[in-house]
Amino acid sequence: GLAIALVLDQMLTLTPVQRGQMYLFASLPPAVFSFIVAESYKQEPDKVAGIVMLGNLAALGFVPLGLWMGL
């Protein structure tokens, strides 16, 4: 997500607030959406919940990085 945000930052003209929001959003894990889709289609929601947990743990590092890049 952060790599795509970096590319988009070079291509788009954004205000500082918009730029910060883009990097913050890019650093967040897609947790809830992934679980809802897995539950809806009965595709191992328990395994997805475990992956979501790992994504949230990774966010502890990526969210500060995204904030640093955006600000």
PDB file of N, CA and C in Angstrom:
ATOM      1  N   GLY A   1       0.803  -1.193   0.000  1.00  0.00           N
ATOM      2  CA  GLY A   1       0.000   0.000   0.000  1.00  0.00           C
ATOM      3  C   GLY A   1       0.847   1.258   0.000  1.00  0.00           C
ATOM      4  N   LEU A   2       1.907   1.244   0.807  1.00  0.00           N
ATOM      5  CA  LEU A   2       2.756   2.436   0.874  1.00  0.00           C
ATOM      6  C   LEU A   2       3.520   2.659  -0.427  1.00  0.00           C
ATOM      7  N   ALA A   3       3.919   1.591  -1.091  1.00  0.00           N
ATOM      8  CA  ALA A   3       4.619   1.740  -2.365  1.00  0.00           C
ATOM      9  C   ALA A   3       3.709   2.366  -3.414  1.00  0.00           C
ATOM     10  N   ILE A   4       2.449   1.954  -3.443  1.00  0.00           N
ATOM     11  CA  ILE A   4       1.489   2.533  -4.386  1.00  0.00           C
ATOM     12  C   ILE A   4       1.231   3.994  -4.041  1.00  0.00           C
ATOM     13  N   ALA A   5       1.123   4.291  -2.752  1.00  0.00           N
ATOM     14  CA  ALA A   5       0.918   5.683  -2.330  1.00  0.00           C
ATOM     15  C   ALA A   5       2.101   6.548  -2.743  1.00  0.00           C
ATOM     16  N   LEU A   6       3.302   6.004  -2.664  1.00  0.00           N
ATOM     17  CA  LEU A   6       4.491   6.755  -3.066  1.00  0.00           C
ATOM     18  C   LEU A   6       4.441   7.090  -4.556  1.00  0.00           C
ATOM     19  N   VAL A   7       4.038   6.124  -5.370  1.00  0.00           N
ATOM     20  CA  VAL A   7       3.907   6.358  -6.812  1.00  0.00           C
ATOM     21  C   VAL A   7       2.811   7.388  -7.089  1.00  0.00           C
ATOM     22  N   LEU A   8       1.662   7.227  -6.426  1.00  0.00           N
ATOM     23  CA  LEU A   8       0.564   8.180  -6.626  1.00  0.00           C
ATOM     24  C   LEU A   8       0.938   9.580  -6.170  1.00  0.00           C
ATOM     25  N   ASP A   9       1.747   9.674  -5.130  1.00  0.00           N
ATOM     26  CA  ASP A   9       2.180  10.977  -4.631  1.00  0.00           C
ATOM     27  C   ASP A   9       2.968  11.729  -5.702  1.00  0.00           C
ATOM     28  N   GLN A  10       3.721  10.990  -6.509  1.00  0.00           N
ATOM     29  CA  GLN A  10       4.494  11.612  -7.586  1.00  0.00           C
ATOM     30  C   GLN A  10       3.611  12.014  -8.758  1.00  0.00           C
ATOM     31  N   MET A  11       2.485  11.320  -8.935  1.00  0.00           N
ATOM     32  CA  MET A  11       1.615  11.552 -10.095  1.00  0.00           C
ATOM     33  C   MET A  11       0.520  12.576  -9.834  1.00  0.00           C
ATOM     34  N   LEU A  12       0.068  12.704  -8.598  1.00  0.00           N
ATOM     35  CA  LEU A  12      -1.068  13.557  -8.268  1.00  0.00           C
ATOM     36  C   LEU A  12      -0.615  14.843  -7.583  1.00  0.00           C
ATOM     37  N   THR A  13      -1.397  15.879  -7.770  1.00  0.00           N
ATOM     38  CA  THR A  13      -1.170  17.124  -7.045  1.00  0.00           C
ATOM     39  C   THR A  13      -2.116  17.128  -5.851  1.00  0.00           C
ATOM     40  N   LEU A  14      -1.556  16.948  -4.664  1.00  0.00           N
ATOM     41  CA  LEU A  14      -2.364  16.842  -3.453  1.00  0.00           C
ATOM     42  C   LEU A  14      -1.977  17.941  -2.469  1.00  0.00           C
ATOM     43  N   THR A  15      -2.958  18.350  -1.690  1.00  0.00           N
ATOM     44  CA  THR A  15      -2.660  19.265  -0.588  1.00  0.00           C
ATOM     45  C   THR A  15      -1.926  18.469   0.496  1.00  0.00           C
ATOM     46  N   PRO A  16      -1.260  19.143   1.416  1.00  0.00           N
ATOM     47  CA  PRO A  16      -0.589  18.401   2.492  1.00  0.00           C
ATOM     48  C   PRO A  16      -1.541  17.514   3.302  1.00  0.00           C
ATOM     49  N   VAL A  17      -2.750  17.970   3.525  1.00  0.00           N
ATOM     50  CA  VAL A  17      -3.725  17.164   4.275  1.00  0.00           C
ATOM     51  C   VAL A  17      -4.113  15.922   3.473  1.00  0.00           C
ATOM     52  N   GLN A  18      -4.390  16.098   2.183  1.00  0.00           N
ATOM     53  CA  GLN A  18      -4.749  14.960   1.339  1.00  0.00           C
ATOM     54  C   GLN A  18      -3.592  13.963   1.248  1.00  0.00           C
ATOM     55  N   ARG A  19      -2.389  14.471   1.147  1.00  0.00           N
ATOM     56  CA  ARG A  19      -1.207  13.617   1.072  1.00  0.00           C
ATOM     57  C   ARG A  19      -1.066  12.790   2.351  1.00  0.00           C
ATOM     58  N   GLY A  20      -1.219  13.425   3.494  1.00  0.00           N
ATOM     59  CA  GLY A  20      -1.137  12.714   4.770  1.00  0.00           C
ATOM     60  C   GLY A  20      -2.205  11.650   4.903  1.00  0.00           C
ATOM     61  N   GLN A  21      -3.426  11.987   4.476  1.00  0.00           N
ATOM     62  CA  GLN A  21      -4.522  11.019   4.548  1.00  0.00           C
ATOM     63  C   GLN A  21      -4.265   9.830   3.636  1.00  0.00           C
ATOM     64  N   MET A  22      -3.715  10.074   2.455  1.00  0.00           N
ATOM     65  CA  MET A  22      -3.434   8.990   1.523  1.00  0.00           C
ATOM     66  C   MET A  22      -2.403   8.024   2.120  1.00  0.00           C
ATOM     67  N   TYR A  23      -1.334   8.558   2.709  1.00  0.00           N
ATOM     68  CA  TYR A  23      -0.319   7.685   3.297  1.00  0.00           C
ATOM     69  C   TYR A  23      -0.853   6.939   4.521  1.00  0.00           C
ATOM     70  N   LEU A  24      -1.668   7.597   5.315  1.00  0.00           N
ATOM     71  CA  LEU A  24      -2.249   6.918   6.474  1.00  0.00           C
ATOM     72  C   LEU A  24      -3.156   5.786   6.022  1.00  0.00           C
ATOM     73  N   PHE A  25      -4.046   6.053   5.067  1.00  0.00           N
ATOM     74  CA  PHE A  25      -4.954   5.024   4.566  1.00  0.00           C
ATOM     75  C   PHE A  25      -4.180   3.872   3.926  1.00  0.00           C
ATOM     76  N   ALA A  26      -3.096   4.187   3.211  1.00  0.00           N
ATOM     77  CA  ALA A  26      -2.305   3.151   2.545  1.00  0.00           C
ATOM     78  C   ALA A  26      -1.591   2.251   3.544  1.00  0.00           C
ATOM     79  N   SER A  27      -1.353   2.747   4.749  1.00  0.00           N
ATOM     80  CA  SER A  27      -0.628   1.947   5.734  1.00  0.00           C
ATOM     81  C   SER A  27      -1.538   1.089   6.609  1.00  0.00           C
ATOM     82  N   LEU A  28      -2.842   1.281   6.516  1.00  0.00           N
ATOM     83  CA  LEU A  28      -3.773   0.516   7.344  1.00  0.00           C
ATOM     84  C   LEU A  28      -4.048  -0.867   6.754  1.00  0.00           C
ATOM     85  N   PRO A  29      -4.220  -1.873   7.599  1.00  0.00           N
ATOM     86  CA  PRO A  29      -4.548  -3.207   7.085  1.00  0.00           C
ATOM     87  C   PRO A  29      -6.025  -3.291   6.687  1.00  0.00           C
ATOM     88  N   PRO A  30      -6.356  -4.092   5.667  1.00  0.00           N
ATOM     89  CA  PRO A  30      -7.743  -4.225   5.211  1.00  0.00           C
ATOM     90  C   PRO A  30      -8.509  -5.265   6.021  1.00  0.00           C
ATOM     91  N   ALA A  31      -8.444  -5.181   7.327  1.00  0.00           N
ATOM     92  CA  ALA A  31      -8.900  -6.236   8.220  1.00  0.00           C
ATOM     93  C   ALA A  31     -10.384  -6.566   8.116  1.00  0.00           C
ATOM     94  N   VAL A  32     -11.218  -5.639   8.403  1.00  0.00           N
ATOM     95  CA  VAL A  32     -12.646  -5.924   8.510  1.00  0.00           C
ATOM     96  C   VAL A  32     -13.222  -6.371   7.175  1.00  0.00           C
ATOM     97  N   PHE A  33     -12.825  -5.705   6.102  1.00  0.00           N
ATOM     98  CA  PHE A  33     -13.339  -6.062   4.782  1.00  0.00           C
ATOM     99  C   PHE A  33     -12.973  -7.501   4.425  1.00  0.00           C
ATOM    100  N   SER A  34     -11.745  -7.898   4.698  1.00  0.00           N
ATOM    101  CA  SER A  34     -11.306  -9.261   4.391  1.00  0.00           C
ATOM    102  C   SER A  34     -12.122 -10.295   5.148  1.00  0.00           C
ATOM    103  N   PHE A  35     -12.370 -10.047   6.423  1.00  0.00           N
ATOM    104  CA  PHE A  35     -13.138 -11.004   7.227  1.00  0.00           C
ATOM    105  C   PHE A  35     -14.585 -11.088   6.741  1.00  0.00           C
ATOM    106  N   ILE A  36     -15.193  -9.968   6.419  1.00  0.00           N
ATOM    107  CA  ILE A  36     -16.586  -9.965   5.957  1.00  0.00           C
ATOM    108  C   ILE A  36     -16.726 -10.755   4.660  1.00  0.00           C
ATOM    109  N   VAL A  37     -15.787 -10.563   3.739  1.00  0.00           N
ATOM    110  CA  VAL A  37     -15.838 -11.295   2.468  1.00  0.00           C
ATOM    111  C   VAL A  37     -15.663 -12.794   2.722  1.00  0.00           C
ATOM    112  N   ALA A  38     -14.725 -13.176   3.575  1.00  0.00           N
ATOM    113  CA  ALA A  38     -14.506 -14.593   3.870  1.00  0.00           C
ATOM    114  C   ALA A  38     -15.732 -15.214   4.527  1.00  0.00           C
ATOM    115  N   GLU A  39     -16.337 -14.495   5.442  1.00  0.00           N
ATOM    116  CA  GLU A  39     -17.542 -15.005   6.119  1.00  0.00           C
ATOM    117  C   GLU A  39     -18.701 -15.131   5.138  1.00  0.00           C
ATOM    118  N   SER A  40     -18.863 -14.163   4.273  1.00  0.00           N
ATOM    119  CA  SER A  40     -19.963 -14.171   3.303  1.00  0.00           C
ATOM    120  C   SER A  40     -19.880 -15.357   2.355  1.00  0.00           C
ATOM    121  N   TYR A  41     -18.663 -15.675   1.925  1.00  0.00           N
ATOM    122  CA  TYR A  41     -18.481 -16.752   0.959  1.00  0.00           C
ATOM    123  C   TYR A  41     -18.060 -18.071   1.609  1.00  0.00           C
ATOM    124  N   LYS A  42     -18.106 -18.119   2.950  1.00  0.00           N
ATOM    125  CA  LYS A  42     -17.770 -19.337   3.698  1.00  0.00           C
ATOM    126  C   LYS A  42     -16.392 -19.882   3.288  1.00  0.00           C
ATOM    127  N   GLN A  43     -15.399 -18.997   3.237  1.00  0.00           N
ATOM    128  CA  GLN A  43     -14.046 -19.363   2.826  1.00  0.00           C
ATOM    129  C   GLN A  43     -13.067 -19.234   3.991  1.00  0.00           C
ATOM    130  N   GLU A  44     -13.158 -20.152   4.936  1.00  0.00           N
ATOM    131  CA  GLU A  44     -12.250 -20.232   6.075  1.00  0.00           C
ATOM    132  C   GLU A  44     -12.110 -18.908   6.842  1.00  0.00           C
ATOM    133  N   PRO A  45     -13.199 -18.400   7.392  1.00  0.00           N
ATOM    134  CA  PRO A  45     -13.116 -17.126   8.113  1.00  0.00           C
ATOM    135  C   PRO A  45     -12.174 -17.173   9.309  1.00  0.00           C
ATOM    136  N   ASP A  46     -11.978 -18.364   9.911  1.00  0.00           N
ATOM    137  CA  ASP A  46     -11.053 -18.463  11.043  1.00  0.00           C
ATOM    138  C   ASP A  46      -9.611 -18.212  10.603  1.00  0.00           C
ATOM    139  N   LYS A  47      -9.244 -18.766   9.449  1.00  0.00           N
ATOM    140  CA  LYS A  47      -7.897 -18.537   8.920  1.00  0.00           C
ATOM    141  C   LYS A  47      -7.722 -17.063   8.556  1.00  0.00           C
ATOM    142  N   VAL A  48      -8.763 -16.475   7.980  1.00  0.00           N
ATOM    143  CA  VAL A  48      -8.706 -15.055   7.620  1.00  0.00           C
ATOM    144  C   VAL A  48      -8.552 -14.206   8.881  1.00  0.00           C
ATOM    145  N   ALA A  49      -9.232 -14.595   9.953  1.00  0.00           N
ATOM    146  CA  ALA A  49      -9.107 -13.848  11.207  1.00  0.00           C
ATOM    147  C   ALA A  49      -7.664 -13.872  11.704  1.00  0.00           C
ATOM    148  N   GLY A  50      -6.975 -14.990  11.548  1.00  0.00           N
ATOM    149  CA  GLY A  50      -5.570 -15.072  11.926  1.00  0.00           C
ATOM    150  C   GLY A  50      -4.695 -14.169  11.069  1.00  0.00           C
ATOM    151  N   ILE A  51      -4.977 -14.142   9.785  1.00  0.00           N
ATOM    152  CA  ILE A  51      -4.232 -13.269   8.879  1.00  0.00           C
ATOM    153  C   ILE A  51      -4.507 -11.807   9.209  1.00  0.00           C
ATOM    154  N   VAL A  52      -5.757 -11.508   9.552  1.00  0.00           N
ATOM    155  CA  VAL A  52      -6.117 -10.145   9.952  1.00  0.00           C
ATOM    156  C   VAL A  52      -5.319  -9.734  11.188  1.00  0.00           C
ATOM    157  N   MET A  53      -5.176 -10.647  12.135  1.00  0.00           N
ATOM    158  CA  MET A  53      -4.413 -10.338  13.340  1.00  0.00           C
ATOM    159  C   MET A  53      -2.962 -10.013  12.994  1.00  0.00           C
ATOM    160  N   LEU A  54      -2.367 -10.789  12.093  1.00  0.00           N
ATOM    161  CA  LEU A  54      -0.993 -10.505  11.675  1.00  0.00           C
ATOM    162  C   LEU A  54      -0.911  -9.153  10.967  1.00  0.00           C
ATOM    163  N   GLY A  55      -1.934  -8.829  10.177  1.00  0.00           N
ATOM    164  CA  GLY A  55      -1.963  -7.530   9.513  1.00  0.00           C
ATOM    165  C   GLY A  55      -2.036  -6.384  10.503  1.00  0.00           C
ATOM    166  N   ASN A  56      -2.801  -6.575  11.546  1.00  0.00           N
ATOM    167  CA  ASN A  56      -2.904  -5.529  12.571  1.00  0.00           C
ATOM    168  C   ASN A  56      -1.587  -5.368  13.321  1.00  0.00           C
ATOM    169  N   LEU A  57      -0.897  -6.470  13.576  1.00  0.00           N
ATOM    170  CA  LEU A  57       0.417  -6.379  14.216  1.00  0.00           C
ATOM    171  C   LEU A  57       1.412  -5.668  13.302  1.00  0.00           C
ATOM    172  N   ALA A  58       1.352  -5.963  12.011  1.00  0.00           N
ATOM    173  CA  ALA A  58       2.236  -5.284  11.055  1.00  0.00           C
ATOM    174  C   ALA A  58       1.921  -3.791  10.988  1.00  0.00           C
ATOM    175  N   ALA A  59       0.666  -3.447  11.206  1.00  0.00           N
ATOM    176  CA  ALA A  59       0.269  -2.033  11.163  1.00  0.00           C
ATOM    177  C   ALA A  59       0.968  -1.220  12.245  1.00  0.00           C
ATOM    178  N   LEU A  60       1.396  -1.876  13.313  1.00  0.00           N
ATOM    179  CA  LEU A  60       2.127  -1.171  14.363  1.00  0.00           C
ATOM    180  C   LEU A  60       3.402  -0.547  13.812  1.00  0.00           C
ATOM    181  N   GLY A  61       3.965  -1.140  12.800  1.00  0.00           N
ATOM    182  CA  GLY A  61       5.153  -0.573  12.169  1.00  0.00           C
ATOM    183  C   GLY A  61       4.838   0.287  10.965  1.00  0.00           C
ATOM    184  N   PHE A  62       3.817  -0.138  10.180  1.00  0.00           N
ATOM    185  CA  PHE A  62       3.537   0.563   8.940  1.00  0.00           C
ATOM    186  C   PHE A  62       2.760   1.870   9.131  1.00  0.00           C
ATOM    187  N   VAL A  63       1.919   1.961  10.138  1.00  0.00           N
ATOM    188  CA  VAL A  63       1.177   3.209  10.360  1.00  0.00           C
ATOM    189  C   VAL A  63       2.132   4.352  10.720  1.00  0.00           C
ATOM    190  N   PRO A  64       3.066   4.163  11.651  1.00  0.00           N
ATOM    191  CA  PRO A  64       4.014   5.260  11.896  1.00  0.00           C
ATOM    192  C   PRO A  64       4.850   5.596  10.656  1.00  0.00           C
ATOM    193  N   LEU A  65       5.219   4.577   9.877  1.00  0.00           N
ATOM    194  CA  LEU A  65       5.962   4.829   8.657  1.00  0.00           C
ATOM    195  C   LEU A  65       5.134   5.643   7.663  1.00  0.00           C
ATOM    196  N   GLY A  66       3.865   5.289   7.520  1.00  0.00           N
ATOM    197  CA  GLY A  66       2.976   6.034   6.629  1.00  0.00           C
ATOM    198  C   GLY A  66       2.779   7.468   7.091  1.00  0.00           C
ATOM    199  N   LEU A  67       2.649   7.660   8.390  1.00  0.00           N
ATOM    200  CA  LEU A  67       2.525   9.024   8.918  1.00  0.00           C
ATOM    201  C   LEU A  67       3.795   9.819   8.668  1.00  0.00           C
ATOM    202  N   TRP A  68       4.938   9.172   8.865  1.00  0.00           N
ATOM    203  CA  TRP A  68       6.201   9.862   8.635  1.00  0.00           C
ATOM    204  C   TRP A  68       6.339  10.256   7.162  1.00  0.00           C
ATOM    205  N   MET A  69       5.948   9.355   6.249  1.00  0.00           N
ATOM    206  CA  MET A  69       6.039   9.643   4.824  1.00  0.00           C
ATOM    207  C   MET A  69       5.060  10.744   4.423  1.00  0.00           C
ATOM    208  N   GLY A  70       3.884  10.739   5.028  1.00  0.00           N
ATOM    209  CA  GLY A  70       2.850  11.699   4.656  1.00  0.00           C
ATOM    210  C   GLY A  70       3.028  13.072   5.266  1.00  0.00           C
ATOM    211  N   LEU A  71       3.774  13.155   6.347  1.00  0.00           N
ATOM    212  CA  LEU A  71       3.942  14.445   6.998  1.00  0.00           C
ATOM    213  C   LEU A  71       5.349  14.947   6.769  1.00  0.00           C
TER     214      LEU A  71
END
